[in-house]
Amino acid sequence: MPDDSAPQILHIDDEKSVRDALAMLLRAHGYVVTSAASGPEALELAGEGVKPDVLIVDFNLDDEMNGAEVAEKIRGTLHYMPPVVLLTGDLSNAEVPCVTDVPVWLMHKPLNAEMLLTALPALVQLSHAMRGLVSRNIPRSPQTLTSIP
């Protein structure tokens, strides 16, 4: 049974060896990791109640949808948007993602594990803070300083 207080990571990658290695690394550092091999599988997991604090997604998943598209669809299922780490082995093919209102970090494969482990606690903290804003119905669109009373 997962520890409800441990940070939750949803990792989506079509390469099993990458999923297994990252899951082992993150679990060794106290994260609860749920892995999916495809966008549809990740959406199914989110629909079944997986509530990730951070998404780690391979940008080049398959022909059906890329990692940014998967992240955007997961937001619709979860009704909140966790920070996204997009992984890619080919930065020349990675377009600016169409994920809105959420921090997106593009990392090159092979993954720099030390850098990821350094960044994850802040991303988890940001995720919790953003969910708090959503639960208090604070508008997602930023207000200009002139529109604040």
N, C-alpha and C. Protein backbone atom coordinates (compact mmCIF):
# COMPACT_ATOMS: atom_id res chain seq x y z
N MET A 1 0.85 -1.19 0.00
CA MET A 1 0.00 0.00 0.00
C MET A 1 0.89 1.24 0.00
N PRO A 2 0.64 2.21 -0.90
CA PRO A 2 1.48 3.40 -0.97
C PRO A 2 1.35 4.26 0.28
N ASP A 3 2.44 4.92 0.63
CA ASP A 3 2.47 5.86 1.73
C ASP A 3 1.82 7.15 1.24
N ASP A 4 0.70 7.55 1.86
CA ASP A 4 -0.03 8.74 1.41
C ASP A 4 0.77 10.03 1.59
N SER A 5 1.76 10.02 2.49
CA SER A 5 2.54 11.23 2.71
C SER A 5 3.75 11.32 1.78
N ALA A 6 4.12 10.22 1.14
CA ALA A 6 5.27 10.23 0.24
C ALA A 6 4.90 10.91 -1.07
N PRO A 7 5.82 11.66 -1.66
CA PRO A 7 5.54 12.31 -2.95
C PRO A 7 5.24 11.28 -4.04
N GLN A 8 4.26 11.59 -4.87
CA GLN A 8 3.78 10.69 -5.92
C GLN A 8 4.29 11.16 -7.28
N ILE A 9 4.88 10.24 -8.01
CA ILE A 9 5.40 10.53 -9.34
C ILE A 9 4.69 9.63 -10.34
N LEU A 10 4.21 10.20 -11.44
CA LEU A 10 3.70 9.40 -12.55
C LEU A 10 4.71 9.53 -13.68
N HIS A 11 5.34 8.41 -14.02
CA HIS A 11 6.38 8.38 -15.06
C HIS A 11 5.83 7.67 -16.29
N ILE A 12 5.91 8.33 -17.43
CA ILE A 12 5.40 7.77 -18.69
C ILE A 12 6.54 7.71 -19.68
N ASP A 13 6.88 6.48 -20.09
CA ASP A 13 7.96 6.28 -21.06
C ASP A 13 7.70 4.96 -21.77
N ASP A 14 7.91 4.95 -23.08
CA ASP A 14 7.66 3.73 -23.84
C ASP A 14 8.80 2.71 -23.74
N GLU A 15 9.91 3.09 -23.14
CA GLU A 15 11.03 2.16 -22.97
C GLU A 15 11.00 1.55 -21.57
N LYS A 16 10.78 0.24 -21.50
CA LYS A 16 10.67 -0.45 -20.22
C LYS A 16 11.92 -0.28 -19.38
N SER A 17 13.09 -0.35 -19.99
CA SER A 17 14.33 -0.23 -19.22
C SER A 17 14.43 1.15 -18.55
N VAL A 18 13.97 2.18 -19.23
CA VAL A 18 13.98 3.53 -18.66
C VAL A 18 12.99 3.62 -17.50
N ARG A 19 11.78 3.06 -17.71
CA ARG A 19 10.77 3.06 -16.64
C ARG A 19 11.30 2.35 -15.40
N ASP A 20 11.88 1.18 -15.60
CA ASP A 20 12.38 0.39 -14.47
C ASP A 20 13.51 1.09 -13.73
N ALA A 21 14.46 1.65 -14.48
CA ALA A 21 15.62 2.31 -13.85
C ALA A 21 15.19 3.55 -13.07
N LEU A 22 14.31 4.36 -13.66
CA LEU A 22 13.87 5.58 -12.98
C LEU A 22 13.03 5.24 -11.75
N ALA A 23 12.17 4.24 -11.87
CA ALA A 23 11.36 3.83 -10.72
C ALA A 23 12.26 3.37 -9.57
N MET A 24 13.29 2.61 -9.87
CA MET A 24 14.21 2.13 -8.84
C MET A 24 14.92 3.31 -8.16
N LEU A 25 15.40 4.25 -8.97
CA LEU A 25 16.09 5.42 -8.43
C LEU A 25 15.17 6.24 -7.52
N LEU A 26 13.98 6.54 -8.01
CA LEU A 26 13.07 7.40 -7.24
C LEU A 26 12.56 6.71 -5.98
N ARG A 27 12.25 5.43 -6.07
CA ARG A 27 11.79 4.70 -4.87
C ARG A 27 12.87 4.67 -3.81
N ALA A 28 14.13 4.55 -4.23
CA ALA A 28 15.25 4.54 -3.28
C ALA A 28 15.37 5.88 -2.55
N HIS A 29 14.77 6.93 -3.11
CA HIS A 29 14.81 8.25 -2.49
C HIS A 29 13.46 8.66 -1.89
N GLY A 30 12.59 7.69 -1.67
CA GLY A 30 11.35 7.94 -0.93
C GLY A 30 10.13 8.33 -1.73
N TYR A 31 10.21 8.26 -3.05
CA TYR A 31 9.06 8.61 -3.89
C TYR A 31 8.22 7.36 -4.18
N VAL A 32 6.92 7.57 -4.31
CA VAL A 32 6.02 6.53 -4.78
C VAL A 32 5.91 6.74 -6.29
N VAL A 33 6.25 5.71 -7.05
CA VAL A 33 6.29 5.83 -8.51
C VAL A 33 5.26 4.92 -9.14
N THR A 34 4.46 5.51 -10.02
CA THR A 34 3.56 4.74 -10.86
C THR A 34 4.04 4.94 -12.28
N SER A 35 4.20 3.85 -13.02
CA SER A 35 4.74 3.93 -14.38
C SER A 35 3.70 3.52 -15.41
N ALA A 36 3.81 4.16 -16.58
CA ALA A 36 2.94 3.82 -17.71
C ALA A 36 3.80 3.78 -18.96
N ALA A 37 3.43 2.88 -19.88
CA ALA A 37 4.18 2.71 -21.12
C ALA A 37 3.66 3.58 -22.26
N SER A 38 2.51 4.23 -22.04
CA SER A 38 1.90 5.01 -23.12
C SER A 38 0.99 6.09 -22.54
N GLY A 39 0.61 7.02 -23.41
CA GLY A 39 -0.33 8.05 -23.00
C GLY A 39 -1.67 7.49 -22.56
N PRO A 40 -2.28 6.61 -23.36
CA PRO A 40 -3.56 6.04 -22.93
C PRO A 40 -3.48 5.30 -21.59
N GLU A 41 -2.38 4.59 -21.35
CA GLU A 41 -2.22 3.90 -20.07
C GLU A 41 -2.13 4.91 -18.92
N ALA A 42 -1.41 6.01 -19.13
CA ALA A 42 -1.29 7.04 -18.10
C ALA A 42 -2.64 7.69 -17.82
N LEU A 43 -3.41 7.94 -18.87
CA LEU A 43 -4.74 8.52 -18.69
C LEU A 43 -5.66 7.57 -17.93
N GLU A 44 -5.53 6.29 -18.20
CA GLU A 44 -6.32 5.29 -17.48
C GLU A 44 -5.95 5.29 -16.00
N LEU A 45 -4.65 5.35 -15.70
CA LEU A 45 -4.20 5.38 -14.30
C LEU A 45 -4.74 6.62 -13.59
N ALA A 46 -4.67 7.77 -14.25
CA ALA A 46 -5.19 9.00 -13.66
C ALA A 46 -6.70 8.88 -13.41
N GLY A 47 -7.40 8.27 -14.35
CA GLY A 47 -8.84 8.06 -14.20
C GLY A 47 -9.18 7.10 -13.08
N GLU A 48 -8.24 6.20 -12.75
CA GLU A 48 -8.46 5.23 -11.68
C GLU A 48 -8.04 5.75 -10.31
N GLY A 49 -7.57 7.00 -10.25
CA GLY A 49 -7.27 7.58 -8.95
C GLY A 49 -5.82 7.89 -8.64
N VAL A 50 -4.90 7.64 -9.56
CA VAL A 50 -3.51 8.03 -9.32
C VAL A 50 -3.46 9.55 -9.31
N LYS A 51 -2.91 10.15 -8.26
CA LYS A 51 -2.86 11.61 -8.08
C LYS A 51 -1.40 12.04 -7.95
N PRO A 52 -0.70 12.19 -9.07
CA PRO A 52 0.73 12.51 -8.99
C PRO A 52 1.00 13.95 -8.56
N ASP A 53 2.12 14.11 -7.87
CA ASP A 53 2.62 15.44 -7.54
C ASP A 53 3.43 15.99 -8.71
N VAL A 54 4.09 15.11 -9.45
CA VAL A 54 4.92 15.49 -10.58
C VAL A 54 4.75 14.44 -11.68
N LEU A 55 4.69 14.92 -12.92
CA LEU A 55 4.70 14.03 -14.09
C LEU A 55 6.11 14.03 -14.67
N ILE A 56 6.64 12.85 -14.95
CA ILE A 56 7.89 12.73 -15.69
C ILE A 56 7.53 11.98 -16.96
N VAL A 57 7.65 12.66 -18.11
CA VAL A 57 7.10 12.14 -19.35
C VAL A 57 8.13 12.18 -20.47
N ASP A 58 8.27 11.08 -21.18
CA ASP A 58 9.08 11.04 -22.39
C ASP A 58 8.37 11.89 -23.45
N PHE A 59 9.09 12.83 -24.04
CA PHE A 59 8.46 13.69 -25.05
C PHE A 59 8.04 12.89 -26.28
N ASN A 60 8.90 12.00 -26.74
CA ASN A 60 8.63 11.23 -27.96
C ASN A 60 8.06 9.86 -27.60
N LEU A 61 6.81 9.84 -27.18
CA LEU A 61 6.19 8.59 -26.76
C LEU A 61 5.86 7.67 -27.94
N ASP A 62 4.96 8.11 -28.79
CA ASP A 62 4.56 7.28 -29.93
C ASP A 62 3.85 8.17 -30.94
N ASP A 63 3.33 7.57 -31.98
CA ASP A 63 2.65 8.34 -33.02
C ASP A 63 1.30 8.89 -32.55
N GLU A 64 0.73 8.28 -31.51
CA GLU A 64 -0.60 8.68 -31.06
C GLU A 64 -0.59 10.07 -30.40
N MET A 65 0.34 10.30 -29.48
CA MET A 65 0.47 11.61 -28.84
C MET A 65 1.85 11.74 -28.21
N ASN A 66 2.35 12.99 -28.17
CA ASN A 66 3.65 13.20 -27.54
C ASN A 66 3.47 13.48 -26.05
N GLY A 67 4.58 13.62 -25.36
CA GLY A 67 4.53 13.81 -23.91
C GLY A 67 3.78 15.05 -23.46
N ALA A 68 3.94 16.15 -24.19
CA ALA A 68 3.23 17.38 -23.84
C ALA A 68 1.72 17.19 -23.98
N GLU A 69 1.30 16.50 -25.02
CA GLU A 69 -0.13 16.23 -25.22
C GLU A 69 -0.67 15.33 -24.11
N VAL A 70 0.11 14.34 -23.71
CA VAL A 70 -0.31 13.46 -22.61
C VAL A 70 -0.49 14.29 -21.33
N ALA A 71 0.48 15.15 -21.04
CA ALA A 71 0.40 15.97 -19.83
C ALA A 71 -0.86 16.85 -19.85
N GLU A 72 -1.16 17.44 -20.98
CA GLU A 72 -2.34 18.29 -21.09
C GLU A 72 -3.62 17.48 -20.89
N LYS A 73 -3.68 16.27 -21.44
CA LYS A 73 -4.87 15.43 -21.27
C LYS A 73 -5.02 14.94 -19.83
N ILE A 74 -3.89 14.68 -19.18
CA ILE A 74 -3.94 14.25 -17.77
C ILE A 74 -4.53 15.36 -16.91
N ARG A 75 -4.22 16.61 -17.23
CA ARG A 75 -4.79 17.72 -16.47
C ARG A 75 -6.32 17.67 -16.52
N GLY A 76 -6.88 17.38 -17.68
CA GLY A 76 -8.33 17.29 -17.79
C GLY A 76 -8.92 16.20 -16.93
N THR A 77 -8.18 15.11 -16.77
CA THR A 77 -8.64 14.00 -15.94
C THR A 77 -8.49 14.32 -14.46
N LEU A 78 -7.37 14.94 -14.08
CA LEU A 78 -7.09 15.19 -12.67
C LEU A 78 -7.77 16.45 -12.14
N HIS A 79 -8.06 17.41 -13.01
CA HIS A 79 -8.61 18.71 -12.61
C HIS A 79 -7.59 19.56 -11.85
N TYR A 80 -6.33 19.22 -11.99
CA TYR A 80 -5.21 20.05 -11.54
C TYR A 80 -4.04 19.65 -12.43
N MET A 81 -2.99 20.46 -12.42
CA MET A 81 -1.87 20.15 -13.29
C MET A 81 -0.57 20.11 -12.50
N PRO A 82 -0.04 18.92 -12.30
CA PRO A 82 1.25 18.83 -11.62
C PRO A 82 2.37 19.34 -12.53
N PRO A 83 3.47 19.82 -11.93
CA PRO A 83 4.63 20.18 -12.75
C PRO A 83 5.06 19.00 -13.62
N VAL A 84 5.64 19.33 -14.78
CA VAL A 84 5.99 18.31 -15.77
C VAL A 84 7.49 18.36 -16.06
N VAL A 85 8.12 17.20 -16.01
CA VAL A 85 9.49 17.04 -16.48
C VAL A 85 9.38 16.26 -17.78
N LEU A 86 9.72 16.91 -18.90
CA LEU A 86 9.70 16.26 -20.21
C LEU A 86 11.10 15.76 -20.53
N LEU A 87 11.22 14.49 -20.83
CA LEU A 87 12.50 13.89 -21.17
C LEU A 87 12.57 13.65 -22.67
N THR A 88 13.72 13.91 -23.26
CA THR A 88 13.89 13.61 -24.68
C THR A 88 15.34 13.25 -24.97
N GLY A 89 15.51 12.30 -25.85
CA GLY A 89 16.84 11.93 -26.30
C GLY A 89 17.29 12.80 -27.46
N ASP A 90 16.36 13.54 -28.05
CA ASP A 90 16.66 14.37 -29.21
C ASP A 90 16.07 15.75 -29.03
N LEU A 91 16.87 16.68 -28.53
CA LEU A 91 16.38 18.03 -28.28
C LEU A 91 16.01 18.76 -29.56
N SER A 92 16.55 18.35 -30.70
CA SER A 92 16.23 19.04 -31.96
C SER A 92 14.78 18.80 -32.38
N ASN A 93 14.17 17.71 -31.94
CA ASN A 93 12.78 17.41 -32.28
C ASN A 93 11.79 17.92 -31.24
N ALA A 94 12.28 18.35 -30.09
CA ALA A 94 11.38 18.78 -29.02
C ALA A 94 10.92 20.20 -29.28
N GLU A 95 9.65 20.34 -29.60
CA GLU A 95 9.06 21.65 -29.81
C GLU A 95 8.67 22.23 -28.46
N VAL A 96 8.44 23.53 -28.42
CA VAL A 96 7.97 24.14 -27.19
C VAL A 96 6.61 23.51 -26.86
N PRO A 97 6.49 22.90 -25.69
CA PRO A 97 5.25 22.18 -25.38
C PRO A 97 4.06 23.11 -25.21
N CYS A 98 2.89 22.56 -25.51
CA CYS A 98 1.63 23.29 -25.38
C CYS A 98 0.97 22.93 -24.06
N VAL A 99 1.70 23.04 -22.98
CA VAL A 99 1.16 22.80 -21.65
C VAL A 99 1.06 24.15 -20.98
N THR A 100 -0.13 24.51 -20.53
CA THR A 100 -0.34 25.85 -19.99
C THR A 100 -0.50 25.84 -18.48
N ASP A 101 -0.15 26.96 -17.87
CA ASP A 101 -0.35 27.19 -16.43
C ASP A 101 0.38 26.20 -15.54
N VAL A 102 1.54 25.74 -15.98
CA VAL A 102 2.29 24.78 -15.19
C VAL A 102 3.77 24.86 -15.56
N PRO A 103 4.64 24.68 -14.59
CA PRO A 103 6.06 24.63 -14.92
C PRO A 103 6.39 23.37 -15.72
N VAL A 104 7.15 23.55 -16.79
CA VAL A 104 7.59 22.44 -17.62
C VAL A 104 9.11 22.52 -17.72
N TRP A 105 9.75 21.41 -17.42
CA TRP A 105 11.20 21.35 -17.46
C TRP A 105 11.59 20.32 -18.51
N LEU A 106 12.35 20.73 -19.51
CA LEU A 106 12.80 19.84 -20.58
C LEU A 106 14.19 19.34 -20.22
N MET A 107 14.34 18.01 -20.06
CA MET A 107 15.63 17.40 -19.72
C MET A 107 16.06 16.46 -20.84
N HIS A 108 17.33 16.42 -21.07
CA HIS A 108 17.91 15.57 -22.11
C HIS A 108 18.18 14.17 -21.54
N LYS A 109 17.92 13.15 -22.36
CA LYS A 109 18.33 11.78 -22.02
C LYS A 109 19.73 11.58 -22.56
N PRO A 110 20.60 10.88 -21.92
CA PRO A 110 20.36 10.20 -20.64
C PRO A 110 20.18 11.21 -19.51
N LEU A 111 19.32 10.84 -18.62
CA LEU A 111 18.90 11.69 -17.51
C LEU A 111 20.04 11.95 -16.54
N ASN A 112 20.17 13.18 -16.09
CA ASN A 112 21.09 13.53 -15.02
C ASN A 112 20.34 13.31 -13.71
N ALA A 113 20.56 12.15 -13.10
CA ALA A 113 19.81 11.75 -11.91
C ALA A 113 20.00 12.72 -10.76
N GLU A 114 21.22 13.19 -10.56
CA GLU A 114 21.49 14.11 -9.45
C GLU A 114 20.70 15.41 -9.61
N MET A 115 20.63 15.92 -10.84
CA MET A 115 19.88 17.14 -11.09
C MET A 115 18.39 16.92 -10.84
N LEU A 116 17.85 15.80 -11.32
CA LEU A 116 16.44 15.50 -11.11
C LEU A 116 16.12 15.38 -9.63
N LEU A 117 16.95 14.64 -8.90
CA LEU A 117 16.71 14.44 -7.46
C LEU A 117 16.83 15.75 -6.68
N THR A 118 17.63 16.68 -7.15
CA THR A 118 17.76 17.99 -6.52
C THR A 118 16.50 18.83 -6.77
N ALA A 119 15.94 18.73 -7.96
CA ALA A 119 14.78 19.55 -8.33
C ALA A 119 13.45 19.01 -7.82
N LEU A 120 13.32 17.71 -7.67
CA LEU A 120 12.02 17.11 -7.35
C LEU A 120 11.38 17.64 -6.06
N PRO A 121 12.10 17.82 -4.96
CA PRO A 121 11.41 18.33 -3.76
C PRO A 121 10.74 19.69 -3.99
N ALA A 122 11.39 20.57 -4.72
CA ALA A 122 10.77 21.88 -5.00
C ALA A 122 9.57 21.73 -5.93
N LEU A 123 9.65 20.83 -6.90
CA LEU A 123 8.51 20.60 -7.80
C LEU A 123 7.32 20.02 -7.04
N VAL A 124 7.59 19.12 -6.10
CA VAL A 124 6.51 18.54 -5.28
C VAL A 124 5.88 19.63 -4.42
N GLN A 125 6.71 20.47 -3.81
CA GLN A 125 6.20 21.57 -2.99
C GLN A 125 5.34 22.52 -3.83
N LEU A 126 5.82 22.85 -5.03
CA LEU A 126 5.05 23.71 -5.93
C LEU A 126 3.73 23.06 -6.31
N SER A 127 3.75 21.77 -6.56
CA SER A 127 2.52 21.04 -6.91
C SER A 127 1.49 21.15 -5.79
N HIS A 128 1.93 20.97 -4.55
CA HIS A 128 1.01 21.05 -3.42
C HIS A 128 0.44 22.48 -3.30
N ALA A 129 1.30 23.48 -3.48
CA ALA A 129 0.84 24.87 -3.41
C ALA A 129 -0.16 25.18 -4.51
N MET A 130 0.10 24.69 -5.73
CA MET A 130 -0.80 24.94 -6.85
C MET A 130 -2.15 24.27 -6.62
N ARG A 131 -2.15 23.07 -6.05
CA ARG A 131 -3.42 22.40 -5.75
C ARG A 131 -4.21 23.18 -4.71
N GLY A 132 -3.50 23.80 -3.78
CA GLY A 132 -4.17 24.64 -2.79
C GLY A 132 -4.87 25.82 -3.44
N LEU A 133 -4.24 26.40 -4.45
CA LEU A 133 -4.87 27.51 -5.18
C LEU A 133 -6.12 27.04 -5.90
N VAL A 134 -6.05 25.88 -6.53
CA VAL A 134 -7.20 25.33 -7.25
C VAL A 134 -8.33 25.04 -6.28
N SER A 135 -8.01 24.48 -5.12
CA SER A 135 -9.07 24.13 -4.17
C SER A 135 -9.73 25.36 -3.56
N ARG A 136 -9.03 26.51 -3.58
CA ARG A 136 -9.63 27.76 -3.07
C ARG A 136 -10.27 28.56 -4.19
N ASN A 137 -10.34 27.98 -5.39
CA ASN A 137 -10.96 28.61 -6.56
C ASN A 137 -10.30 29.93 -6.95
N ILE A 138 -9.01 30.02 -6.80
CA ILE A 138 -8.28 31.20 -7.25
C ILE A 138 -8.14 31.08 -8.75
N PRO A 139 -8.46 32.13 -9.50
CA PRO A 139 -8.41 32.04 -10.97
C PRO A 139 -7.02 31.67 -11.46
N ARG A 140 -6.98 30.85 -12.53
CA ARG A 140 -5.71 30.44 -13.11
C ARG A 140 -5.07 31.56 -13.90
N SER A 141 -5.86 32.46 -14.45
CA SER A 141 -5.30 33.54 -15.25
C SER A 141 -4.73 34.61 -14.35
N PRO A 142 -3.49 35.03 -14.60
CA PRO A 142 -2.92 36.06 -13.75
C PRO A 142 -3.63 37.39 -13.95
N GLN A 143 -3.80 38.11 -12.87
CA GLN A 143 -4.39 39.44 -12.96
C GLN A 143 -3.26 40.45 -13.14
N THR A 144 -3.54 41.50 -13.82
CA THR A 144 -2.56 42.57 -13.92
C THR A 144 -2.62 43.38 -12.64
N LEU A 145 -1.56 44.09 -12.35
CA LEU A 145 -1.53 44.88 -11.12
C LEU A 145 -2.62 45.94 -11.11
N THR A 146 -3.00 46.45 -12.27
CA THR A 146 -4.04 47.48 -12.32
C THR A 146 -5.42 46.91 -12.06
N SER A 147 -5.60 45.61 -12.21
CA SER A 147 -6.93 45.04 -11.99
C SER A 147 -7.12 44.56 -10.55
N ILE A 148 -6.07 44.60 -9.75
CA ILE A 148 -6.18 44.20 -8.35
C ILE A 148 -6.65 45.40 -7.54
N PRO A 149 -7.76 45.24 -6.79
CA PRO A 149 -8.30 46.38 -6.03
C PRO A 149 -7.35 46.82 -4.92
